[in-house]
């Protein structure tokens, strides 16, 4: 089996982003652009990844390693073009590899299948493969000059003739090389162009003149789009979300209003989940079969078990684990807490750093007071406990299984199993007090 190296060009500063972060650390689907590209390369079995970065871009390498451990980093000290960037990773291009794929760190929508298709053309006998696309508006793109099956050159727009500018088959920037030819082609690239840079695209014409087989594969225009500014980032996000919605629907999930639901790159929804309108899935969410996520809910870092119901207007924060058939209702916030099977917090509650036993009930207006200004503390609520409305549970505290908390209580001490805690002022009722009060106030009003 052939072995492949991926070189990912990620040295761009992204000045048009107007951000302190490198361009490739901007996010779509709550995941950095570079992570999408690394994940696509890793998913087709690329054996090693060489990341080309600029000075002081260690954070880019750290992110890349989170998604593919076999990453090495190479610095492009001066930004002198794509050919120069590839040459910066020269040490990575060893005889341990048969193929080398060049990817762009700011093109996060490229599919693993597209990378695999380029490698397949190499396996079929091509020496170099260019991934092209049909542009609706080819202005600004390099054009693929094709003669039969052979790609004879890539002409940058500013260097192209009028006839060449009429071509709609454009260069995506993604290429694949037989490793044995690659560095010889890169080393032959010069700077005879409008910008005086080393264009990797010039390797195509050099390969053609050298008698090598240069072939093209095609991808959708949306798939290979690059991200250079905030507007393009927003377009890329929209394409990503549309892809995810299509994939989720195809997997057996019901989206009542697909266009209003937003996913993260790692969102997992199992079959027979139903998602109502205007739901946002942040990073790290897993929703199991049969659960229902009701409208206007926000989930992040949470696990929702089978047949549970969340929302409407619920917020699950990191560490929320909602058990089977449990219910988290409207305006309930859950953070770092576990709800057992069948437990309920149906409305207007905050549950943080808490374990809620199976079939326990959290009444409206209940809060767990988990933070003392310095440290977080846990609340333990036993199975089938009943917490009355408008109660405050001051952690650390344990509510025993089957215990009751009277409405309006401030609980500071543990409650044993099946016990009752009432922690509020005793009610006093004064008969006819309101009649006397009104008479007195009306008299005062007349005097004024």
Protein backbone atom coordinates (compact mmCIF):
# COMPACT_ATOMS: atom_id res chain seq x y z
CA UNK A 1 0.00 0.00 0.00
CA UNK A 2 1.32 3.41 -0.93
CA UNK A 3 2.19 5.84 1.83
CA UNK A 4 1.30 9.51 1.66
CA UNK A 5 2.49 12.77 3.14
CA UNK A 6 0.18 15.77 3.32
CA UNK A 7 1.73 19.24 3.23
CA UNK A 8 -0.73 21.81 4.56
CA UNK A 9 0.04 25.44 3.79
CA UNK A 10 -0.99 27.47 6.84
CA UNK A 11 1.43 30.41 7.01
CA UNK A 12 -1.03 33.12 5.93
CA UNK A 13 -1.40 35.97 8.41
CA UNK A 14 -4.96 36.75 7.37
CA UNK A 15 -4.65 40.52 7.73
CA UNK A 16 -8.05 40.96 6.10
CA UNK A 17 -9.59 39.10 9.03
CA UNK A 18 -8.53 42.01 11.26
CA UNK A 19 -7.85 39.55 14.06
CA UNK A 20 -5.06 38.85 16.51
CA UNK A 21 -5.41 35.14 15.64
CA UNK A 22 -3.82 33.51 12.59
CA UNK A 23 -6.34 33.06 9.78
CA UNK A 24 -6.37 29.26 10.03
CA UNK A 25 -7.47 29.47 13.68
CA UNK A 26 -10.71 31.20 12.76
CA UNK A 27 -13.61 28.79 13.17
CA UNK A 28 -16.49 27.22 11.32
CA UNK A 29 -18.70 24.77 13.15
CA UNK A 30 -16.85 25.78 16.35
CA UNK A 31 -13.69 24.17 15.00
CA UNK A 32 -10.59 25.98 13.63
CA UNK A 33 -10.18 25.98 9.85
CA UNK A 34 -6.90 24.11 10.11
CA UNK A 35 -8.55 21.37 12.17
CA UNK A 36 -11.07 20.69 9.39
CA UNK A 37 -8.29 20.28 6.83
CA UNK A 38 -6.16 18.09 9.11
CA UNK A 39 -9.19 15.91 9.90
CA UNK A 40 -9.98 15.40 6.21
CA UNK A 41 -6.37 14.41 5.47
CA UNK A 42 -6.16 12.08 8.47
CA UNK A 43 -9.45 10.38 7.62
CA UNK A 44 -8.10 8.93 4.35
CA UNK A 45 -5.06 7.43 6.01
CA UNK A 46 -2.39 10.02 5.24
CA UNK A 47 0.64 8.73 7.11
CA UNK A 48 2.16 12.05 8.11
CA UNK A 49 1.27 15.74 7.96
CA UNK A 50 3.77 18.55 7.42
CA UNK A 51 2.36 21.87 8.52
CA UNK A 52 3.90 25.00 6.98
CA UNK A 53 3.42 27.96 9.31
CA UNK A 54 4.79 31.45 9.73
CA UNK A 55 6.88 32.72 12.64
CA UNK A 56 5.21 32.73 16.06
CA UNK A 57 2.40 30.41 14.99
CA UNK A 58 2.94 27.62 17.54
CA UNK A 59 -0.76 27.67 18.37
CA UNK A 60 -1.57 26.43 14.87
CA UNK A 61 0.60 23.35 15.35
CA UNK A 62 -0.95 22.69 18.77
CA UNK A 63 -4.45 22.72 17.30
CA UNK A 64 -3.43 20.49 14.41
CA UNK A 65 -1.92 17.93 16.77
CA UNK A 66 -5.24 17.68 18.62
CA UNK A 67 -6.77 16.22 15.46
CA UNK A 68 -3.85 14.27 13.99
CA UNK A 69 -0.89 13.39 16.24
CA UNK A 70 1.49 12.68 13.31
CA UNK A 71 2.03 16.38 12.58
CA UNK A 72 5.40 18.08 12.11
CA UNK A 73 5.79 21.82 11.71
CA UNK A 74 8.00 23.83 9.31
CA UNK A 75 8.40 27.59 9.29
CA UNK A 76 8.16 29.73 6.18
CA UNK A 77 10.23 32.66 7.39
CA UNK A 78 9.38 34.85 4.38
CA UNK A 79 6.09 34.63 2.56
CA UNK A 80 7.33 34.32 -1.03
CA UNK A 81 4.51 32.26 -2.52
CA UNK A 82 3.11 28.75 -2.45
CA UNK A 83 6.13 27.20 -4.14
CA UNK A 84 8.36 28.70 -1.50
CA UNK A 85 5.99 27.44 1.22
CA UNK A 86 6.20 23.86 -0.06
CA UNK A 87 9.99 24.13 -0.27
CA UNK A 88 10.00 25.11 3.42
CA UNK A 89 8.81 21.58 4.21
CA UNK A 90 11.57 19.97 2.14
CA UNK A 91 12.83 17.87 5.06
CA UNK A 92 9.47 16.13 5.32
CA UNK A 93 9.52 14.91 1.72
CA UNK A 94 11.50 11.72 2.25
CA UNK A 95 11.60 8.40 0.44
CA UNK A 96 9.34 6.98 3.17
CA UNK A 97 6.43 8.30 1.11
CA UNK A 98 5.09 7.46 -2.32
CA UNK A 99 2.63 10.36 -2.69
CA UNK A 100 2.56 13.95 -1.49
CA UNK A 101 -0.69 15.89 -1.29
CA UNK A 102 -0.63 19.67 -0.95
CA UNK A 103 -3.60 21.17 0.89
CA UNK A 104 -4.54 24.69 1.94
CA UNK A 105 -5.12 25.45 5.60
CA UNK A 106 -7.73 28.10 4.79
CA UNK A 107 -9.90 25.79 2.63
CA UNK A 108 -11.75 23.88 5.36
CA UNK A 109 -14.59 22.39 3.30
CA UNK A 110 -12.46 20.03 1.23
CA UNK A 111 -13.84 16.50 1.52
CA UNK A 112 -11.77 13.45 2.29
CA UNK A 113 -13.22 11.91 -0.88
CA UNK A 114 -11.67 14.67 -2.99
CA UNK A 115 -8.22 14.07 -1.52
CA UNK A 116 -8.66 10.34 -2.04
CA UNK A 117 -9.70 10.89 -5.67
CA UNK A 118 -6.49 12.82 -6.36
CA UNK A 119 -4.42 10.01 -4.86
CA UNK A 120 -6.38 7.48 -6.94
CA UNK A 121 -5.29 9.29 -10.12
CA UNK A 122 -1.69 8.94 -8.98
CA UNK A 123 -2.29 5.23 -8.45
CA UNK A 124 -3.65 5.07 -12.01
CA UNK A 125 -0.37 6.36 -13.42
CA UNK A 126 -0.46 10.16 -13.15
CA UNK A 127 2.70 11.87 -11.92
CA UNK A 128 0.94 15.06 -10.86
CA UNK A 129 -2.76 15.71 -10.18
CA UNK A 130 -4.47 19.08 -9.95
CA UNK A 131 -7.87 19.47 -8.29
CA UNK A 132 -9.90 21.93 -10.36
CA UNK A 133 -13.41 23.35 -10.17
CA UNK A 134 -15.87 25.01 -12.51
CA UNK A 135 -16.21 28.62 -11.37
CA UNK A 136 -19.44 30.55 -11.76
CA UNK A 137 -17.24 33.64 -11.96
CA UNK A 138 -13.62 32.69 -12.68
CA UNK A 139 -12.25 36.22 -12.18
CA UNK A 140 -9.10 36.13 -10.06
CA UNK A 141 -8.57 32.37 -10.22
CA UNK A 142 -5.75 30.51 -11.94
CA UNK A 143 -7.00 28.65 -15.05
CA UNK A 144 -6.25 25.02 -15.91
CA UNK A 145 -4.93 24.76 -19.46
CA UNK A 146 -5.89 21.29 -20.69
CA UNK A 147 -4.98 19.41 -23.89
CA UNK A 148 -6.92 16.15 -23.99
CA UNK A 149 -6.21 14.39 -20.69
CA UNK A 150 -3.04 16.39 -20.07
CA UNK A 151 -2.96 19.55 -17.97
CA UNK A 152 -0.28 21.59 -19.69
CA UNK A 153 -0.20 24.62 -17.39
CA UNK A 154 -1.96 26.69 -14.75
CA UNK A 155 -2.10 30.34 -15.66
CA UNK A 156 -2.66 32.88 -12.89
CA UNK A 157 -5.38 35.36 -13.76
CA UNK A 158 -3.11 38.38 -13.86
CA UNK A 159 -0.74 36.54 -16.21
CA UNK A 160 -3.43 34.96 -18.43
CA UNK A 161 -4.31 35.96 -21.98
CA UNK A 162 -7.88 36.91 -22.89
CA UNK A 163 -8.47 33.45 -24.36
CA UNK A 164 -7.16 31.79 -21.21
CA UNK A 165 -9.34 34.01 -19.02
CA UNK A 166 -12.40 32.64 -20.83
CA UNK A 167 -11.70 29.19 -19.37
CA UNK A 168 -13.97 28.32 -16.43
CA UNK A 169 -11.94 25.34 -15.15
CA UNK A 170 -9.98 26.86 -12.29
CA UNK A 171 -7.25 25.84 -9.89
CA UNK A 172 -8.29 25.00 -6.32
CA UNK A 173 -4.72 25.04 -5.03
CA UNK A 174 -4.94 21.36 -4.05
CA UNK A 175 -2.41 19.12 -5.80
CA UNK A 176 -0.97 15.64 -5.51
CA UNK A 177 2.51 14.54 -6.62
CA UNK A 178 4.45 11.38 -6.99
CA UNK A 179 7.05 12.01 -4.33
CA UNK A 180 9.97 11.04 -6.55
CA UNK A 181 9.26 13.97 -8.89
CA UNK A 182 8.04 16.58 -6.46
CA UNK A 183 11.07 18.45 -5.15
CA UNK A 184 12.75 18.50 -8.55
CA UNK A 185 9.67 20.27 -9.91
CA UNK A 186 9.50 22.66 -6.93
CA UNK A 187 13.18 23.54 -7.24
CA UNK A 188 12.68 24.44 -10.92
CA UNK A 189 10.05 27.11 -10.11
CA UNK A 190 11.16 30.68 -10.79
CA UNK A 191 9.72 34.14 -10.11
CA UNK A 192 8.95 35.33 -13.63
CA UNK A 193 5.43 36.54 -12.86
CA UNK A 194 3.56 39.72 -11.95
CA UNK A 195 4.18 39.36 -8.21
CA UNK A 196 7.73 38.04 -8.34
CA UNK A 197 6.81 35.03 -6.19
CA UNK A 198 7.38 31.29 -6.40
CA UNK A 199 4.05 29.89 -7.62
CA UNK A 200 3.52 26.18 -7.00
CA UNK A 201 1.22 26.30 -10.01
CA UNK A 202 4.28 26.75 -12.24
CA UNK A 203 5.24 23.16 -11.36
CA UNK A 204 2.47 21.99 -13.67
CA UNK A 205 3.96 23.52 -16.81
CA UNK A 206 7.42 22.33 -15.76
CA UNK A 207 6.06 18.80 -15.31
CA UNK A 208 4.38 18.91 -18.72
CA UNK A 209 7.57 20.07 -20.44
CA UNK A 210 9.43 17.25 -18.66
CA UNK A 211 7.12 14.66 -20.20
CA UNK A 212 5.31 13.79 -16.97
CA UNK A 213 1.63 12.86 -16.88
CA UNK A 214 -0.36 15.70 -15.38
CA UNK A 215 -4.04 15.02 -14.78
CA UNK A 216 -6.99 16.90 -13.30
CA UNK A 217 -9.85 15.92 -11.03
CA UNK A 218 -12.81 18.18 -10.31
CA UNK A 219 -14.53 19.24 -7.10
CA UNK A 220 -17.51 21.49 -6.44
CA UNK A 221 -16.69 25.19 -6.24
CA UNK A 222 -18.11 25.46 -2.72
CA UNK A 223 -15.92 22.62 -1.50
CA UNK A 224 -12.60 24.24 -2.37
CA UNK A 225 -13.38 27.84 -1.46
CA UNK A 226 -10.70 29.64 0.51
CA UNK A 227 -11.35 31.95 3.44
CA UNK A 228 -9.63 35.32 3.41
CA UNK A 229 -11.97 37.67 5.27
CA UNK A 230 -14.95 37.69 7.62
CA UNK A 231 -17.47 37.73 4.79
CA UNK A 232 -15.98 34.58 3.26
CA UNK A 233 -15.85 33.02 6.72
CA UNK A 234 -19.60 33.61 7.06
CA UNK A 235 -20.25 32.07 3.62
CA UNK A 236 -18.13 29.08 4.58
CA UNK A 237 -20.07 28.67 7.82
CA UNK A 238 -23.35 28.69 5.90
CA UNK A 239 -22.11 25.98 3.52
CA UNK A 240 -20.83 23.90 6.44
CA UNK A 241 -24.18 24.15 8.24
CA UNK A 242 -26.11 23.17 5.12
CA UNK A 243 -23.89 20.11 4.70
CA UNK A 244 -24.41 19.08 8.31
CA UNK A 245 -28.17 19.51 8.11
CA UNK A 246 -28.31 17.32 5.01
CA UNK A 247 -26.17 14.67 6.68
CA UNK A 248 -28.21 14.74 9.88
CA UNK A 249 -31.50 14.38 8.02
CA UNK A 250 -30.09 11.49 5.98
CA UNK A 251 -29.05 9.73 9.20
CA UNK A 252 -32.62 9.45 10.50
CA UNK A 253 -32.93 12.61 12.59
CA UNK A 254 -35.95 14.90 12.27
CA UNK A 255 -35.27 18.63 11.96
CA UNK A 256 -38.57 20.51 12.07
CA UNK A 257 -37.04 23.66 10.57
CA UNK A 258 -33.57 22.63 9.33
CA UNK A 259 -32.47 26.12 8.30
CA UNK A 260 -32.81 27.34 11.92
CA UNK A 261 -30.67 24.63 13.57
CA UNK A 262 -26.91 25.16 13.99
CA UNK A 263 -24.37 22.40 14.53
CA UNK A 264 -20.79 22.07 15.68
CA UNK A 265 -18.36 19.91 13.76
CA UNK A 266 -18.48 17.20 16.45
CA UNK A 267 -22.24 17.13 17.13
CA UNK A 268 -23.60 13.57 17.37
CA UNK A 269 -27.33 12.97 16.95
CA UNK A 270 -28.59 9.40 16.88
CA UNK A 271 -31.53 8.18 14.76
CA UNK A 272 -35.05 9.16 15.84
CA UNK A 273 -33.89 12.31 17.60
CA UNK A 274 -36.20 15.23 16.93
CA UNK A 275 -34.91 18.80 16.91
CA UNK A 276 -37.36 21.67 16.94
CA UNK A 277 -36.66 25.14 15.46
CA UNK A 278 -33.92 27.52 16.60
CA UNK A 279 -31.69 25.08 18.44
CA UNK A 280 -27.91 25.63 18.71
CA UNK A 281 -25.49 22.77 19.32
CA UNK A 282 -22.16 23.96 20.72
CA UNK A 283 -19.08 21.72 20.87
CA UNK A 284 -19.20 18.32 22.52
CA UNK A 285 -22.89 17.34 22.31
CA UNK A 286 -24.20 13.78 22.00
CA UNK A 287 -27.95 13.22 21.80
CA UNK A 288 -29.16 9.63 21.93
CA UNK A 289 -31.98 7.91 20.08
CA UNK A 290 -35.53 9.11 20.65
CA UNK A 291 -34.64 12.29 22.52
CA UNK A 292 -36.42 15.54 21.66
CA UNK A 293 -34.68 18.91 21.72
CA UNK A 294 -37.36 21.54 21.85
CA UNK A 295 -37.25 25.03 20.37
CA UNK A 296 -34.78 27.77 21.32
CA UNK A 297 -32.49 25.52 23.36
CA UNK A 298 -28.69 25.80 23.54
CA UNK A 299 -26.53 22.75 24.28
CA UNK A 300 -22.76 22.58 24.81
CA UNK A 301 -20.57 19.84 26.24
CA UNK A 302 -23.64 17.79 27.11
CA UNK A 303 -24.94 14.24 26.81
CA UNK A 304 -28.66 13.63 26.42
CA UNK A 305 -29.81 10.05 26.89
CA UNK A 306 -32.49 8.17 24.99
CA UNK A 307 -36.04 9.54 25.10
CA UNK A 308 -35.13 12.56 27.20
CA UNK A 309 -36.75 15.94 26.52
CA UNK A 310 -34.89 19.22 26.58
CA UNK A 311 -36.50 22.65 26.46
CA UNK A 312 -37.99 24.75 25.08
CA UNK A 313 -35.63 27.55 26.04
CA UNK A 314 -33.27 25.25 27.97
CA UNK A 315 -29.53 25.64 28.36
CA UNK A 316 -27.24 22.68 28.88
CA UNK A 317 -23.69 23.72 29.75
CA UNK A 318 -20.51 21.61 29.80
CA UNK A 319 -20.74 18.55 32.01
CA UNK A 320 -24.51 18.19 31.78
CA UNK A 321 -25.53 14.50 31.59
CA UNK A 322 -29.24 13.99 31.18
CA UNK A 323 -30.51 10.48 31.87
CA UNK A 324 -32.97 8.36 29.95
CA UNK A 325 -36.48 9.85 29.76
CA UNK A 326 -35.44 12.77 31.98
CA UNK A 327 -36.95 16.18 31.36
CA UNK A 328 -35.26 19.57 31.37
CA UNK A 329 -37.88 22.20 30.72
CA UNK A 330 -38.23 25.85 29.79
CA UNK A 331 -35.72 28.31 31.23
CA UNK A 332 -33.77 25.61 33.05
CA UNK A 333 -29.95 25.81 33.09
CA UNK A 334 -27.88 22.73 33.87
CA UNK A 335 -24.10 22.79 34.35
CA UNK A 336 -21.74 19.98 35.36
CA UNK A 337 -24.64 17.95 36.68
CA UNK A 338 -26.04 14.45 36.23
CA UNK A 339 -29.77 13.79 35.99
CA UNK A 340 -30.81 10.20 36.59
CA UNK A 341 -33.40 8.38 34.52
CA UNK A 342 -36.81 10.00 34.69
CA UNK A 343 -35.66 12.98 36.77
CA UNK A 344 -37.35 16.31 36.07
CA UNK A 345 -36.63 20.01 36.23
CA UNK A 346 -39.55 21.29 34.22
CA UNK A 347 -39.17 25.04 34.53
CA UNK A 348 -37.23 28.03 35.82
CA UNK A 349 -34.34 26.36 37.65
CA UNK A 350 -30.55 26.46 37.89
CA UNK A 351 -28.84 23.14 38.62
CA UNK A 352 -25.05 23.31 38.87
CA UNK A 353 -22.49 20.81 40.23
CA UNK A 354 -25.27 18.46 41.24
CA UNK A 355 -26.23 14.79 41.08
CA UNK A 356 -29.98 14.31 40.70
CA UNK A 357 -31.23 10.81 41.39
CA UNK A 358 -33.67 8.89 39.20
CA UNK A 359 -37.25 10.21 39.21
CA UNK A 360 -36.37 13.16 41.44
CA UNK A 361 -38.38 16.34 40.82
CA UNK A 362 -36.91 19.83 40.90
CA UNK A 363 -39.62 22.46 41.42
CA UNK A 364 -39.90 25.78 39.61
CA UNK A 365 -37.58 28.52 40.83
CA UNK A 366 -35.16 26.10 42.53
CA UNK A 367 -31.46 26.91 42.48
CA UNK A 368 -28.40 25.06 43.68
CA UNK A 369 -26.08 27.53 45.37
CA UNK A 370 -22.85 25.88 44.24
CA UNK A 371 -20.33 28.75 44.48
CA UNK A 372 -19.21 30.45 47.70
CA UNK A 373 -17.16 33.12 45.97
CA UNK A 374 -13.99 31.00 46.09
CA UNK A 375 -14.83 27.33 45.47
CA UNK A 376 -17.49 25.19 43.83
CA UNK A 377 -19.39 22.66 45.93
CA UNK A 378 -21.70 19.78 45.02
CA UNK A 379 -25.30 19.06 45.82
CA UNK A 380 -26.50 15.45 46.03
CA UNK A 381 -30.21 14.81 45.46
CA UNK A 382 -31.40 11.26 46.00
CA UNK A 383 -33.76 9.16 43.94
CA UNK A 384 -37.41 10.25 43.97
CA UNK A 385 -36.66 13.30 46.11
CA UNK A 386 -39.08 16.21 45.70
CA UNK A 387 -37.73 19.75 45.81
CA UNK A 388 -40.51 22.28 46.34
CA UNK A 389 -40.73 25.43 44.24
CA UNK A 390 -38.55 28.45 44.95
CA UNK A 391 -36.05 26.53 47.08
CA UNK A 392 -32.35 27.28 47.44
CA UNK A 393 -30.04 24.33 48.11
CA UNK A 394 -26.81 25.66 49.61
CA UNK A 395 -23.96 23.33 48.70
CA UNK A 396 -22.37 21.21 49.93
CA UNK A 397 -25.59 19.51 50.91
CA UNK A 398 -27.25 16.11 50.48
CA UNK A 399 -30.96 15.56 50.00
CA UNK A 400 -31.76 11.92 50.77
CA UNK A 401 -33.71 9.53 48.58
CA UNK A 402 -37.44 10.13 48.78
CA UNK A 403 -36.95 13.30 50.86
CA UNK A 404 -39.12 16.41 50.54
CA UNK A 405 -38.10 20.07 50.63
CA UNK A 406 -40.90 22.49 51.45
CA UNK A 407 -41.48 25.27 48.95
CA UNK A 408 -39.50 28.44 49.59
CA UNK A 409 -36.90 26.72 51.76
CA UNK A 410 -33.23 27.62 52.06
CA UNK A 411 -31.60 24.28 52.78
CA UNK A 412 -28.18 24.35 54.44
CA UNK A 413 -28.16 20.99 56.24
CA UNK A 414 -28.39 17.43 54.94
CA UNK A 415 -31.82 15.82 54.82
CA UNK A 416 -32.12 12.08 55.52
CA UNK A 417 -33.91 9.65 53.27
CA UNK A 418 -37.67 10.24 53.29
CA UNK A 419 -37.28 13.28 55.55
CA UNK A 420 -39.01 16.66 55.22
CA UNK A 421 -37.15 19.97 55.45
CA UNK A 422 -38.97 23.26 55.92
CA UNK A 423 -36.53 26.14 56.12
CA UNK A 424 -38.56 29.33 55.97
CA UNK A 425 -40.17 31.89 58.30
CA UNK A 426 -43.38 30.69 59.96
CA UNK A 427 -46.50 32.25 58.42
CA UNK A 428 -48.68 34.56 60.50
CA UNK A 429 -52.16 35.55 59.31
CA UNK A 430 -53.99 38.63 60.71
CA UNK A 431 -57.72 38.61 60.06
CA UNK A 432 -59.20 41.73 58.42
CA UNK A 433 -55.79 43.46 58.38
CA UNK A 434 -56.32 44.62 54.82
CA UNK A 435 -59.54 46.48 55.71
CA UNK A 436 -57.79 48.52 58.40
CA UNK A 437 -54.78 49.16 56.12
CA UNK A 438 -56.92 50.48 53.27
CA UNK A 439 -58.99 52.72 55.58
CA UNK A 440 -55.88 54.25 57.10
CA UNK A 441 -54.23 54.94 53.75
CA UNK A 442 -57.40 56.40 52.22
CA UNK A 443 -57.69 58.80 55.16
CA UNK A 444 -54.06 59.89 54.71
CA UNK A 445 -54.67 60.45 51.03
CA UNK A 446 -57.70 62.73 51.65
CA UNK A 447 -55.75 64.85 54.10
CA UNK A 448 -53.11 65.51 51.40
